[in-house]
Amino acid sequence: MVWIADNVYEIKSRAVSMFVYTAGESPICFDTGISEAPIKQGFDALGYKPEHVEYVFLTHTDRDHVGGLNLFKTADVYLSIDEEQMVNKTTPRFLGFVHNRPLKKTYRLLNDGDIVEAGQTKIEALATPGHTPGSMSYLVNESILFAGDTLALREGKVRPFSKLHLGDMIHMDIATQTESVKKLAKLKNISLLVTAHTGFTTDFQSAMSDWV
């Protein structure tokens, strides 16, 4: 478990990170990592238990982002309405026939611009498709942006998460993802930008300078 900024903590499992926001009455999670053991250890270090979490927001449903979901037994789970196709056998993730696993928890669907009031914390859902059809970023209290795999940070600058055009091998649309990054670049007053694989920055304006 690593402290990132006021009330924001990273729990890393292998090459992916989930994040815990602790400003409210109960922790709020953004993604759930690839496996349960690191999450349990991270929560122990924070002095919480996974069952204390009331809200989990998924940026998308690839295995490395939902692996610990079942730990959060009492949480409300949110994902994009356009991501449901990835877990209900509608749209394959790999090779045209391999699907993401169905979620074993009930979930609530969000549209672009929807706002969830988690106590005193305001979470705005921002549709940022491309990495998956329903990839979603989350803006917390109009200042903290959790971007998942929508983008990457390289030497302090925002770059596409992947430059690979893999055709039918993997369901990923690089052109659409580029437009999603441009959408995020228009945001104002961002104090912290957090990614799932490539760290974070407190200098949003500089990081996005190539996209505006």
N, C-alpha and C. Protein backbone atom coordinates (compact mmCIF):
# COMPACT_ATOMS: atom_id res chain seq x y z
N MET A 1 0.85 -1.19 0.00
CA MET A 1 0.00 0.00 0.00
C MET A 1 0.89 1.24 0.00
N VAL A 2 0.55 2.20 -0.88
CA VAL A 2 1.35 3.42 -1.02
C VAL A 2 0.43 4.62 -0.95
N TRP A 3 0.80 5.60 -0.14
CA TRP A 3 0.08 6.87 -0.11
C TRP A 3 0.44 7.67 -1.35
N ILE A 4 -0.56 8.18 -2.06
CA ILE A 4 -0.32 8.96 -3.27
C ILE A 4 -0.56 10.45 -3.02
N ALA A 5 -1.69 10.76 -2.42
CA ALA A 5 -2.06 12.14 -2.13
C ALA A 5 -3.07 12.09 -0.99
N ASP A 6 -3.53 13.26 -0.55
CA ASP A 6 -4.49 13.28 0.53
C ASP A 6 -5.66 12.33 0.22
N ASN A 7 -5.84 11.34 1.07
CA ASN A 7 -6.97 10.41 0.99
C ASN A 7 -6.93 9.46 -0.20
N VAL A 8 -5.83 9.37 -0.92
CA VAL A 8 -5.72 8.48 -2.07
C VAL A 8 -4.56 7.52 -1.84
N TYR A 9 -4.85 6.21 -1.91
CA TYR A 9 -3.86 5.18 -1.68
C TYR A 9 -3.86 4.18 -2.84
N GLU A 10 -2.68 3.68 -3.15
CA GLU A 10 -2.51 2.68 -4.20
C GLU A 10 -2.24 1.32 -3.58
N ILE A 11 -2.95 0.31 -4.07
CA ILE A 11 -2.64 -1.08 -3.71
C ILE A 11 -2.26 -1.79 -5.00
N LYS A 12 -1.03 -2.25 -5.06
CA LYS A 12 -0.50 -2.82 -6.30
C LYS A 12 -0.51 -4.33 -6.23
N SER A 13 -0.95 -4.96 -7.31
CA SER A 13 -0.85 -6.40 -7.45
C SER A 13 -0.27 -6.70 -8.82
N ARG A 14 0.95 -7.24 -8.79
CA ARG A 14 1.72 -7.44 -10.02
C ARG A 14 1.88 -6.09 -10.73
N ALA A 15 1.48 -6.00 -12.00
CA ALA A 15 1.74 -4.78 -12.76
C ALA A 15 0.55 -3.84 -12.80
N VAL A 16 -0.47 -4.10 -11.98
CA VAL A 16 -1.67 -3.27 -12.03
C VAL A 16 -1.96 -2.73 -10.63
N SER A 17 -2.56 -1.55 -10.58
CA SER A 17 -2.90 -0.93 -9.31
C SER A 17 -4.40 -0.68 -9.21
N MET A 18 -4.93 -0.85 -8.01
CA MET A 18 -6.25 -0.36 -7.67
C MET A 18 -6.04 0.79 -6.68
N PHE A 19 -7.10 1.57 -6.47
CA PHE A 19 -6.95 2.76 -5.64
C PHE A 19 -8.08 2.87 -4.64
N VAL A 20 -7.73 3.40 -3.48
CA VAL A 20 -8.68 3.56 -2.39
C VAL A 20 -8.73 5.04 -2.02
N TYR A 21 -9.95 5.57 -1.99
CA TYR A 21 -10.17 6.96 -1.60
C TYR A 21 -10.85 6.95 -0.24
N THR A 22 -10.28 7.65 0.74
CA THR A 22 -10.68 7.48 2.13
C THR A 22 -11.25 8.72 2.79
N ALA A 23 -11.68 9.70 2.01
CA ALA A 23 -12.13 10.96 2.61
C ALA A 23 -13.51 10.85 3.26
N GLY A 24 -14.32 9.89 2.83
CA GLY A 24 -15.68 9.79 3.33
C GLY A 24 -15.82 8.89 4.53
N GLU A 25 -17.05 8.52 4.84
CA GLU A 25 -17.32 7.68 5.98
C GLU A 25 -16.80 6.26 5.79
N SER A 26 -16.73 5.81 4.54
CA SER A 26 -16.18 4.49 4.23
C SER A 26 -15.29 4.62 3.00
N PRO A 27 -14.33 3.71 2.83
CA PRO A 27 -13.44 3.79 1.67
C PRO A 27 -14.21 3.56 0.37
N ILE A 28 -13.72 4.19 -0.70
CA ILE A 28 -14.25 4.00 -2.05
C ILE A 28 -13.13 3.42 -2.90
N CYS A 29 -13.44 2.37 -3.66
CA CYS A 29 -12.41 1.73 -4.47
C CYS A 29 -12.63 1.99 -5.95
N PHE A 30 -11.51 2.13 -6.64
CA PHE A 30 -11.50 2.27 -8.09
C PHE A 30 -10.70 1.08 -8.63
N ASP A 31 -11.43 0.14 -9.23
CA ASP A 31 -10.92 -1.16 -9.66
C ASP A 31 -10.57 -2.02 -8.43
N THR A 32 -10.24 -3.30 -8.70
CA THR A 32 -9.98 -4.22 -7.58
C THR A 32 -8.78 -5.11 -7.81
N GLY A 33 -7.86 -4.72 -8.69
CA GLY A 33 -6.63 -5.47 -8.85
C GLY A 33 -6.81 -6.83 -9.50
N ILE A 34 -5.73 -7.58 -9.52
CA ILE A 34 -5.73 -8.86 -10.22
C ILE A 34 -5.93 -10.05 -9.28
N SER A 35 -5.64 -9.88 -7.99
CA SER A 35 -5.77 -11.00 -7.06
C SER A 35 -6.10 -10.47 -5.67
N GLU A 36 -6.59 -11.35 -4.81
CA GLU A 36 -7.12 -10.93 -3.53
C GLU A 36 -6.05 -10.68 -2.46
N ALA A 37 -4.99 -11.46 -2.47
CA ALA A 37 -4.02 -11.38 -1.37
C ALA A 37 -3.41 -9.99 -1.20
N PRO A 38 -2.92 -9.33 -2.27
CA PRO A 38 -2.37 -7.99 -2.08
C PRO A 38 -3.40 -6.98 -1.58
N ILE A 39 -4.66 -7.17 -1.96
CA ILE A 39 -5.70 -6.26 -1.51
C ILE A 39 -5.91 -6.41 -0.01
N LYS A 40 -5.98 -7.66 0.46
CA LYS A 40 -6.12 -7.88 1.90
C LYS A 40 -4.97 -7.25 2.67
N GLN A 41 -3.75 -7.41 2.17
CA GLN A 41 -2.59 -6.84 2.83
C GLN A 41 -2.65 -5.31 2.83
N GLY A 42 -3.07 -4.74 1.70
CA GLY A 42 -3.18 -3.30 1.60
C GLY A 42 -4.22 -2.74 2.54
N PHE A 43 -5.35 -3.41 2.64
CA PHE A 43 -6.40 -2.94 3.54
C PHE A 43 -5.99 -3.08 5.00
N ASP A 44 -5.25 -4.14 5.32
CA ASP A 44 -4.73 -4.27 6.68
C ASP A 44 -3.83 -3.09 7.02
N ALA A 45 -2.98 -2.69 6.06
CA ALA A 45 -2.07 -1.56 6.29
C ALA A 45 -2.83 -0.25 6.47
N LEU A 46 -3.97 -0.14 5.79
CA LEU A 46 -4.79 1.06 5.90
C LEU A 46 -5.64 1.07 7.17
N GLY A 47 -5.79 -0.07 7.79
CA GLY A 47 -6.64 -0.16 8.96
C GLY A 47 -8.11 -0.36 8.64
N TYR A 48 -8.39 -0.84 7.44
CA TYR A 48 -9.76 -1.13 7.01
C TYR A 48 -9.87 -2.60 6.65
N LYS A 49 -11.10 -3.02 6.45
CA LYS A 49 -11.39 -4.33 5.89
C LYS A 49 -12.18 -4.13 4.60
N PRO A 50 -12.05 -5.03 3.62
CA PRO A 50 -12.80 -4.87 2.37
C PRO A 50 -14.30 -4.71 2.58
N GLU A 51 -14.85 -5.34 3.62
CA GLU A 51 -16.28 -5.22 3.85
C GLU A 51 -16.69 -3.83 4.34
N HIS A 52 -15.72 -2.97 4.67
CA HIS A 52 -16.03 -1.59 5.00
C HIS A 52 -16.35 -0.76 3.76
N VAL A 53 -15.99 -1.26 2.59
CA VAL A 53 -16.17 -0.51 1.34
C VAL A 53 -17.63 -0.56 0.91
N GLU A 54 -18.20 0.61 0.62
CA GLU A 54 -19.58 0.69 0.18
C GLU A 54 -19.71 0.91 -1.33
N TYR A 55 -18.63 1.38 -1.96
CA TYR A 55 -18.69 1.69 -3.39
C TYR A 55 -17.43 1.18 -4.08
N VAL A 56 -17.63 0.48 -5.20
CA VAL A 56 -16.53 0.08 -6.08
C VAL A 56 -16.86 0.55 -7.49
N PHE A 57 -15.95 1.30 -8.09
CA PHE A 57 -16.12 1.79 -9.45
C PHE A 57 -15.10 1.10 -10.35
N LEU A 58 -15.59 0.39 -11.36
CA LEU A 58 -14.72 -0.33 -12.29
C LEU A 58 -14.47 0.50 -13.53
N THR A 59 -13.20 0.67 -13.88
CA THR A 59 -12.89 1.38 -15.12
C THR A 59 -13.19 0.51 -16.34
N HIS A 60 -13.03 -0.80 -16.19
CA HIS A 60 -13.42 -1.77 -17.21
C HIS A 60 -13.33 -3.15 -16.57
N THR A 61 -13.56 -4.19 -17.35
CA THR A 61 -13.72 -5.52 -16.75
C THR A 61 -12.66 -6.53 -17.15
N ASP A 62 -11.51 -6.08 -17.63
CA ASP A 62 -10.41 -7.01 -17.85
C ASP A 62 -10.01 -7.65 -16.52
N ARG A 63 -9.48 -8.85 -16.60
CA ARG A 63 -9.22 -9.65 -15.40
C ARG A 63 -8.34 -8.93 -14.38
N ASP A 64 -7.36 -8.17 -14.86
CA ASP A 64 -6.45 -7.54 -13.92
C ASP A 64 -7.08 -6.36 -13.17
N HIS A 65 -8.30 -6.02 -13.51
CA HIS A 65 -9.00 -4.92 -12.83
C HIS A 65 -10.16 -5.39 -11.96
N VAL A 66 -10.55 -6.65 -12.10
CA VAL A 66 -11.71 -7.16 -11.34
C VAL A 66 -11.35 -8.39 -10.50
N GLY A 67 -10.08 -8.73 -10.40
CA GLY A 67 -9.68 -9.97 -9.74
C GLY A 67 -10.03 -10.05 -8.27
N GLY A 68 -10.10 -8.90 -7.60
CA GLY A 68 -10.41 -8.90 -6.18
C GLY A 68 -11.83 -8.51 -5.85
N LEU A 69 -12.69 -8.45 -6.86
CA LEU A 69 -14.03 -7.90 -6.67
C LEU A 69 -14.83 -8.64 -5.60
N ASN A 70 -14.68 -9.93 -5.52
CA ASN A 70 -15.51 -10.70 -4.60
C ASN A 70 -15.19 -10.44 -3.13
N LEU A 71 -14.07 -9.76 -2.85
CA LEU A 71 -13.77 -9.38 -1.47
C LEU A 71 -14.75 -8.33 -0.94
N PHE A 72 -15.30 -7.55 -1.85
CA PHE A 72 -16.11 -6.41 -1.44
C PHE A 72 -17.58 -6.82 -1.39
N LYS A 73 -17.89 -7.60 -0.37
CA LYS A 73 -19.17 -8.31 -0.32
C LYS A 73 -20.37 -7.39 -0.16
N THR A 74 -20.20 -6.23 0.47
CA THR A 74 -21.34 -5.36 0.74
C THR A 74 -21.33 -4.10 -0.13
N ALA A 75 -20.40 -4.00 -1.04
CA ALA A 75 -20.26 -2.78 -1.84
C ALA A 75 -21.22 -2.74 -3.01
N ASP A 76 -21.66 -1.53 -3.36
CA ASP A 76 -22.33 -1.31 -4.62
C ASP A 76 -21.27 -1.20 -5.70
N VAL A 77 -21.44 -1.95 -6.78
CA VAL A 77 -20.45 -2.00 -7.86
C VAL A 77 -21.00 -1.25 -9.07
N TYR A 78 -20.17 -0.40 -9.66
CA TYR A 78 -20.58 0.41 -10.80
C TYR A 78 -19.65 0.17 -11.97
N LEU A 79 -20.23 0.16 -13.18
CA LEU A 79 -19.46 0.14 -14.41
C LEU A 79 -20.27 0.79 -15.52
N SER A 80 -19.62 1.06 -16.62
CA SER A 80 -20.28 1.70 -17.75
C SER A 80 -21.33 0.80 -18.37
N ILE A 81 -22.42 1.41 -18.81
CA ILE A 81 -23.46 0.66 -19.52
C ILE A 81 -22.90 0.04 -20.79
N ASP A 82 -21.87 0.63 -21.37
CA ASP A 82 -21.27 0.10 -22.59
C ASP A 82 -20.25 -1.00 -22.31
N GLU A 83 -19.93 -1.22 -21.03
CA GLU A 83 -19.00 -2.29 -20.67
C GLU A 83 -19.72 -3.60 -20.38
N GLU A 84 -21.01 -3.55 -20.15
CA GLU A 84 -21.74 -4.77 -19.82
C GLU A 84 -21.60 -5.83 -20.91
N GLN A 85 -21.47 -5.39 -22.17
CA GLN A 85 -21.31 -6.34 -23.27
C GLN A 85 -20.06 -7.21 -23.12
N MET A 86 -19.10 -6.73 -22.33
CA MET A 86 -17.86 -7.48 -22.16
C MET A 86 -17.99 -8.61 -21.14
N VAL A 87 -19.04 -8.58 -20.31
CA VAL A 87 -19.19 -9.61 -19.28
C VAL A 87 -20.47 -10.43 -19.42
N ASN A 88 -21.24 -10.17 -20.46
CA ASN A 88 -22.47 -10.95 -20.66
C ASN A 88 -22.42 -11.79 -21.93
N LYS A 89 -21.20 -12.05 -22.41
CA LYS A 89 -20.96 -12.92 -23.56
C LYS A 89 -21.38 -12.30 -24.89
N THR A 90 -21.63 -10.98 -24.91
CA THR A 90 -22.01 -10.33 -26.16
C THR A 90 -20.80 -10.03 -27.03
N THR A 91 -19.76 -9.46 -26.43
CA THR A 91 -18.58 -9.03 -27.18
C THR A 91 -17.34 -9.74 -26.66
N PRO A 92 -16.62 -10.48 -27.50
CA PRO A 92 -15.40 -11.15 -27.05
C PRO A 92 -14.26 -10.16 -26.86
N ARG A 93 -13.36 -10.49 -25.95
CA ARG A 93 -12.19 -9.64 -25.67
C ARG A 93 -11.01 -10.02 -26.55
N PHE A 94 -10.77 -11.33 -26.73
CA PHE A 94 -9.60 -11.79 -27.45
C PHE A 94 -9.98 -12.76 -28.57
N LEU A 95 -9.32 -12.64 -29.69
CA LEU A 95 -9.36 -13.63 -30.76
C LEU A 95 -10.74 -13.90 -31.33
N GLY A 96 -11.69 -13.03 -31.00
CA GLY A 96 -13.03 -13.17 -31.54
C GLY A 96 -13.91 -14.18 -30.84
N PHE A 97 -13.37 -14.87 -29.80
CA PHE A 97 -14.21 -15.85 -29.12
C PHE A 97 -13.93 -15.95 -27.61
N VAL A 98 -12.86 -15.35 -27.11
CA VAL A 98 -12.55 -15.40 -25.68
C VAL A 98 -13.16 -14.19 -24.99
N HIS A 99 -14.02 -14.45 -24.01
CA HIS A 99 -14.75 -13.37 -23.34
C HIS A 99 -14.16 -13.09 -21.95
N ASN A 100 -14.36 -11.87 -21.48
CA ASN A 100 -14.11 -11.59 -20.07
C ASN A 100 -15.09 -12.41 -19.24
N ARG A 101 -14.66 -12.75 -18.04
CA ARG A 101 -15.51 -13.56 -17.18
C ARG A 101 -16.71 -12.75 -16.69
N PRO A 102 -17.86 -13.37 -16.56
CA PRO A 102 -19.00 -12.68 -15.96
C PRO A 102 -18.67 -12.26 -14.52
N LEU A 103 -19.22 -11.14 -14.11
CA LEU A 103 -19.03 -10.70 -12.73
C LEU A 103 -19.95 -11.50 -11.82
N LYS A 104 -19.44 -11.90 -10.68
CA LYS A 104 -20.22 -12.71 -9.74
C LYS A 104 -21.03 -11.84 -8.78
N LYS A 105 -20.90 -10.55 -8.89
CA LYS A 105 -21.67 -9.62 -8.07
C LYS A 105 -22.65 -8.85 -8.94
N THR A 106 -23.75 -8.45 -8.36
CA THR A 106 -24.64 -7.55 -9.09
C THR A 106 -23.96 -6.21 -9.25
N TYR A 107 -24.35 -5.47 -10.25
CA TYR A 107 -23.70 -4.18 -10.52
C TYR A 107 -24.72 -3.19 -11.04
N ARG A 108 -24.34 -1.92 -10.98
CA ARG A 108 -25.17 -0.84 -11.47
C ARG A 108 -24.47 -0.20 -12.67
N LEU A 109 -25.27 0.20 -13.65
CA LEU A 109 -24.72 0.70 -14.90
C LEU A 109 -24.77 2.23 -14.94
N LEU A 110 -23.70 2.80 -15.47
CA LEU A 110 -23.56 4.25 -15.55
C LEU A 110 -23.47 4.70 -16.99
N ASN A 111 -24.09 5.84 -17.27
CA ASN A 111 -23.93 6.53 -18.55
C ASN A 111 -22.92 7.65 -18.40
N ASP A 112 -22.41 8.11 -19.51
CA ASP A 112 -21.50 9.25 -19.52
C ASP A 112 -22.16 10.44 -18.83
N GLY A 113 -21.46 11.03 -17.88
CA GLY A 113 -21.97 12.20 -17.18
C GLY A 113 -22.78 11.91 -15.95
N ASP A 114 -23.09 10.64 -15.69
CA ASP A 114 -23.81 10.30 -14.47
C ASP A 114 -22.97 10.66 -13.25
N ILE A 115 -23.66 11.03 -12.19
CA ILE A 115 -23.00 11.40 -10.94
C ILE A 115 -23.53 10.52 -9.82
N VAL A 116 -22.60 9.97 -9.05
CA VAL A 116 -22.94 9.19 -7.87
C VAL A 116 -22.50 9.98 -6.64
N GLU A 117 -23.41 10.20 -5.73
CA GLU A 117 -23.10 10.87 -4.47
C GLU A 117 -22.82 9.79 -3.43
N ALA A 118 -21.54 9.64 -3.08
CA ALA A 118 -21.13 8.66 -2.07
C ALA A 118 -20.87 9.42 -0.78
N GLY A 119 -21.92 9.62 -0.01
CA GLY A 119 -21.79 10.49 1.15
C GLY A 119 -21.50 11.90 0.70
N GLN A 120 -20.40 12.45 1.18
CA GLN A 120 -20.00 13.80 0.79
C GLN A 120 -19.11 13.81 -0.45
N THR A 121 -18.86 12.64 -1.02
CA THR A 121 -17.97 12.53 -2.17
C THR A 121 -18.79 12.44 -3.45
N LYS A 122 -18.43 13.26 -4.42
CA LYS A 122 -19.11 13.29 -5.72
C LYS A 122 -18.24 12.58 -6.75
N ILE A 123 -18.78 11.56 -7.38
CA ILE A 123 -18.05 10.83 -8.43
C ILE A 123 -18.81 10.99 -9.74
N GLU A 124 -18.13 11.57 -10.72
CA GLU A 124 -18.72 11.73 -12.05
C GLU A 124 -18.15 10.68 -12.99
N ALA A 125 -19.04 9.99 -13.69
CA ALA A 125 -18.64 8.97 -14.65
C ALA A 125 -18.37 9.61 -16.00
N LEU A 126 -17.21 9.32 -16.56
CA LEU A 126 -16.81 9.87 -17.86
C LEU A 126 -16.52 8.72 -18.81
N ALA A 127 -17.36 8.57 -19.82
CA ALA A 127 -17.14 7.51 -20.81
C ALA A 127 -15.85 7.79 -21.58
N THR A 128 -14.93 6.84 -21.55
CA THR A 128 -13.66 6.99 -22.27
C THR A 128 -13.36 5.68 -23.00
N PRO A 129 -14.18 5.34 -23.98
CA PRO A 129 -14.02 4.06 -24.68
C PRO A 129 -12.75 4.01 -25.52
N GLY A 130 -12.41 2.79 -25.89
CA GLY A 130 -11.25 2.56 -26.74
C GLY A 130 -10.49 1.34 -26.28
N HIS A 131 -9.98 1.38 -25.05
CA HIS A 131 -9.31 0.20 -24.51
C HIS A 131 -10.29 -0.96 -24.46
N THR A 132 -11.48 -0.71 -24.00
CA THR A 132 -12.65 -1.58 -24.18
C THR A 132 -13.80 -0.68 -24.61
N PRO A 133 -14.87 -1.24 -25.14
CA PRO A 133 -15.99 -0.40 -25.58
C PRO A 133 -16.61 0.42 -24.45
N GLY A 134 -16.49 -0.09 -23.22
CA GLY A 134 -17.10 0.62 -22.11
C GLY A 134 -16.12 1.14 -21.08
N SER A 135 -14.88 1.35 -21.48
CA SER A 135 -13.93 1.91 -20.52
C SER A 135 -14.45 3.24 -19.99
N MET A 136 -14.28 3.43 -18.69
CA MET A 136 -14.83 4.63 -18.05
C MET A 136 -13.80 5.20 -17.08
N SER A 137 -13.68 6.53 -17.08
CA SER A 137 -12.86 7.23 -16.11
C SER A 137 -13.78 7.85 -15.07
N TYR A 138 -13.21 8.16 -13.90
CA TYR A 138 -14.02 8.70 -12.81
C TYR A 138 -13.37 9.96 -12.25
N LEU A 139 -14.18 11.00 -12.13
CA LEU A 139 -13.73 12.29 -11.62
C LEU A 139 -14.31 12.47 -10.22
N VAL A 140 -13.44 12.58 -9.24
CA VAL A 140 -13.85 12.68 -7.84
C VAL A 140 -13.78 14.13 -7.38
N ASN A 141 -14.90 14.62 -6.92
CA ASN A 141 -14.99 15.99 -6.41
C ASN A 141 -14.38 17.01 -7.36
N GLU A 142 -14.56 16.75 -8.65
CA GLU A 142 -14.15 17.66 -9.73
C GLU A 142 -12.65 17.93 -9.76
N SER A 143 -11.84 17.08 -9.12
CA SER A 143 -10.40 17.37 -9.09
C SER A 143 -9.50 16.15 -9.21
N ILE A 144 -9.94 14.97 -8.83
CA ILE A 144 -9.11 13.77 -8.88
C ILE A 144 -9.64 12.86 -9.98
N LEU A 145 -8.79 12.52 -10.94
CA LEU A 145 -9.21 11.76 -12.11
C LEU A 145 -8.56 10.38 -12.10
N PHE A 146 -9.40 9.34 -12.01
CA PHE A 146 -8.96 7.96 -12.12
C PHE A 146 -9.24 7.49 -13.54
N ALA A 147 -8.17 7.27 -14.32
CA ALA A 147 -8.31 7.04 -15.76
C ALA A 147 -8.16 5.59 -16.17
N GLY A 148 -7.85 4.69 -15.26
CA GLY A 148 -7.73 3.28 -15.63
C GLY A 148 -6.71 3.06 -16.72
N ASP A 149 -7.12 2.37 -17.80
CA ASP A 149 -6.24 2.10 -18.94
C ASP A 149 -6.57 2.98 -20.14
N THR A 150 -7.22 4.10 -19.89
CA THR A 150 -7.53 5.00 -21.00
C THR A 150 -6.28 5.66 -21.55
N LEU A 151 -5.28 5.83 -20.70
CA LEU A 151 -4.05 6.50 -21.13
C LEU A 151 -2.90 5.98 -20.29
N ALA A 152 -1.70 6.37 -20.71
CA ALA A 152 -0.49 6.03 -19.97
C ALA A 152 0.31 7.29 -19.72
N LEU A 153 1.13 7.26 -18.69
CA LEU A 153 2.07 8.35 -18.40
C LEU A 153 3.49 7.86 -18.71
N ARG A 154 4.16 8.59 -19.60
CA ARG A 154 5.54 8.28 -19.94
C ARG A 154 6.36 9.54 -19.74
N GLU A 155 7.30 9.50 -18.78
CA GLU A 155 8.14 10.64 -18.49
C GLU A 155 7.31 11.90 -18.23
N GLY A 156 6.21 11.71 -17.51
CA GLY A 156 5.38 12.82 -17.11
C GLY A 156 4.39 13.31 -18.15
N LYS A 157 4.35 12.65 -19.30
CA LYS A 157 3.45 13.08 -20.38
C LYS A 157 2.42 11.98 -20.67
N VAL A 158 1.22 12.40 -21.00
CA VAL A 158 0.17 11.46 -21.36
C VAL A 158 0.42 10.91 -22.75
N ARG A 159 0.36 9.60 -22.85
CA ARG A 159 0.53 8.91 -24.12
C ARG A 159 -0.61 7.88 -24.27
N PRO A 160 -0.86 7.39 -25.48
CA PRO A 160 -1.85 6.32 -25.62
C PRO A 160 -1.44 5.13 -24.78
N PHE A 161 -2.41 4.43 -24.23
CA PHE A 161 -2.09 3.25 -23.44
C PHE A 161 -1.36 2.21 -24.30
N SER A 162 -1.80 2.07 -25.54
CA SER A 162 -1.14 1.15 -26.46
C SER A 162 -1.13 1.76 -27.85
N LYS A 163 -0.04 1.58 -28.55
CA LYS A 163 0.05 2.02 -29.94
C LYS A 163 -0.19 0.87 -30.92
N LEU A 164 -0.45 -0.31 -30.38
CA LEU A 164 -0.57 -1.49 -31.23
C LEU A 164 -1.95 -1.58 -31.85
N HIS A 165 -1.99 -1.80 -33.13
CA HIS A 165 -3.24 -2.07 -33.83
C HIS A 165 -3.28 -3.58 -34.07
N LEU A 166 -4.03 -4.28 -33.24
CA LEU A 166 -3.97 -5.73 -33.22
C LEU A 166 -5.09 -6.39 -34.01
N GLY A 167 -5.85 -5.58 -34.74
CA GLY A 167 -6.88 -6.14 -35.59
C GLY A 167 -7.90 -6.93 -34.80
N ASP A 168 -8.16 -8.16 -35.22
CA ASP A 168 -9.17 -8.98 -34.57
C ASP A 168 -8.63 -9.76 -33.37
N MET A 169 -7.33 -9.59 -33.04
CA MET A 169 -6.77 -10.34 -31.94
C MET A 169 -7.35 -9.89 -30.60
N ILE A 170 -7.51 -8.59 -30.42
CA ILE A 170 -8.01 -8.05 -29.18
C ILE A 170 -9.00 -6.93 -29.50
N HIS A 171 -10.09 -6.89 -28.75
CA HIS A 171 -11.11 -5.87 -29.02
C HIS A 171 -10.66 -4.56 -28.41
N MET A 172 -9.91 -3.78 -29.18
CA MET A 172 -9.40 -2.49 -28.73
C MET A 172 -9.39 -1.53 -29.90
N ASP A 173 -9.88 -0.32 -29.68
CA ASP A 173 -9.99 0.67 -30.75
C ASP A 173 -9.10 1.85 -30.41
N ILE A 174 -7.92 1.89 -31.04
CA ILE A 174 -6.94 2.92 -30.72
C ILE A 174 -7.44 4.31 -31.12
N ALA A 175 -8.11 4.41 -32.25
CA ALA A 175 -8.61 5.72 -32.70
C ALA A 175 -9.64 6.27 -31.71
N THR A 176 -10.53 5.40 -31.26
CA THR A 176 -11.53 5.83 -30.27
C THR A 176 -10.87 6.20 -28.96
N GLN A 177 -9.86 5.45 -28.56
CA GLN A 177 -9.16 5.76 -27.32
C GLN A 177 -8.46 7.12 -27.41
N THR A 178 -7.92 7.43 -28.56
CA THR A 178 -7.30 8.74 -28.76
C THR A 178 -8.30 9.86 -28.55
N GLU A 179 -9.51 9.69 -29.06
CA GLU A 179 -10.54 10.71 -28.85
C GLU A 179 -10.92 10.80 -27.37
N SER A 180 -10.88 9.70 -26.68
CA SER A 180 -11.18 9.73 -25.25
C SER A 180 -10.12 10.51 -24.47
N VAL A 181 -8.86 10.35 -24.85
CA VAL A 181 -7.80 11.11 -24.19
C VAL A 181 -8.00 12.60 -24.46
N LYS A 182 -8.35 12.96 -25.68
CA LYS A 182 -8.60 14.36 -26.01
C LYS A 182 -9.76 14.91 -25.17
N LYS A 183 -10.75 14.09 -24.93
CA LYS A 183 -11.88 14.50 -24.10
C LYS A 183 -11.41 14.82 -22.68
N LEU A 184 -10.59 13.94 -22.11
CA LEU A 184 -10.09 14.17 -20.76
C LEU A 184 -9.18 15.39 -20.69
N ALA A 185 -8.46 15.65 -21.77
CA ALA A 185 -7.54 16.79 -21.79
C ALA A 185 -8.26 18.12 -21.62
N LYS A 186 -9.55 18.16 -21.88
CA LYS A 186 -10.33 19.39 -21.77
C LYS A 186 -10.77 19.70 -20.35
N LEU A 187 -10.56 18.76 -19.44
CA LEU A 187 -10.98 18.97 -18.06
C LEU A 187 -10.15 20.08 -17.41
N LYS A 188 -10.76 20.77 -16.48
CA LYS A 188 -10.10 21.87 -15.78
C LYS A 188 -9.95 21.53 -14.29
N ASN A 189 -8.96 22.15 -13.68
CA ASN A 189 -8.77 22.08 -12.23
C ASN A 189 -8.52 20.67 -11.71
N ILE A 190 -7.82 19.86 -12.50
CA ILE A 190 -7.47 18.51 -12.06
C ILE A 190 -6.20 18.59 -11.21
N SER A 191 -6.30 18.13 -9.98
CA SER A 191 -5.16 18.18 -9.06
C SER A 191 -4.36 16.89 -9.07
N LEU A 192 -4.98 15.79 -9.53
CA LEU A 192 -4.31 14.50 -9.53
C LEU A 192 -4.87 13.63 -10.65
N LEU A 193 -3.98 13.09 -11.48
CA LEU A 193 -4.34 12.15 -12.54
C LEU A 193 -3.70 10.81 -12.20
N VAL A 194 -4.53 9.76 -12.13
CA VAL A 194 -4.07 8.45 -11.69
C VAL A 194 -4.33 7.43 -12.80
N THR A 195 -3.31 6.63 -13.12
CA THR A 195 -3.47 5.55 -14.09
C THR A 195 -3.32 4.21 -13.39
N ALA A 196 -3.77 3.16 -14.05
CA ALA A 196 -3.74 1.83 -13.43
C ALA A 196 -2.40 1.12 -13.57
N HIS A 197 -1.57 1.53 -14.52
CA HIS A 197 -0.32 0.81 -14.77
C HIS A 197 0.92 1.69 -14.79
N THR A 198 0.76 2.98 -14.97
CA THR A 198 1.93 3.83 -15.22
C THR A 198 2.01 5.03 -14.29
N GLY A 199 1.50 4.88 -13.09
CA GLY A 199 1.70 5.91 -12.09
C GLY A 199 0.69 7.04 -12.13
N PHE A 200 1.12 8.19 -11.63
CA PHE A 200 0.22 9.33 -11.45
C PHE A 200 1.00 10.62 -11.62
N THR A 201 0.26 11.72 -11.73
CA THR A 201 0.89 13.03 -11.79
C THR A 201 -0.01 14.06 -11.11
N THR A 202 0.64 15.05 -10.51
CA THR A 202 -0.09 16.19 -9.95
C THR A 202 -0.01 17.40 -10.87
N ASP A 203 0.62 17.22 -12.02
CA ASP A 203 0.74 18.32 -13.00
C ASP A 203 -0.05 17.94 -14.26
N PHE A 204 -1.36 17.98 -14.13
CA PHE A 204 -2.24 17.57 -15.21
C PHE A 204 -2.02 18.41 -16.47
N GLN A 205 -1.89 19.70 -16.30
CA GLN A 205 -1.76 20.59 -17.46
C GLN A 205 -0.52 20.25 -18.28
N SER A 206 0.59 20.04 -17.62
CA SER A 206 1.81 19.68 -18.34
C SER A 206 1.69 18.30 -18.97
N ALA A 207 1.11 17.36 -18.23
CA ALA A 207 0.98 15.99 -18.75
C ALA A 207 0.14 15.96 -20.01
N MET A 208 -0.88 16.81 -20.09
CA MET A 208 -1.80 16.82 -21.22
C MET A 208 -1.41 17.83 -22.29
N SER A 209 -0.26 18.41 -22.19
CA SER A 209 0.09 19.52 -23.09
C SER A 209 0.11 19.14 -24.56
N ASP A 210 0.34 17.88 -24.88
CA ASP A 210 0.37 17.46 -26.27
C ASP A 210 -1.02 17.15 -26.83
N TRP A 211 -2.07 17.28 -25.98
CA TRP A 211 -3.40 16.85 -26.40
C TRP A 211 -4.40 18.00 -26.48
N VAL A 212 -3.94 19.20 -26.23
CA VAL A 212 -4.86 20.36 -26.25
C VAL A 212 -4.45 21.34 -27.34
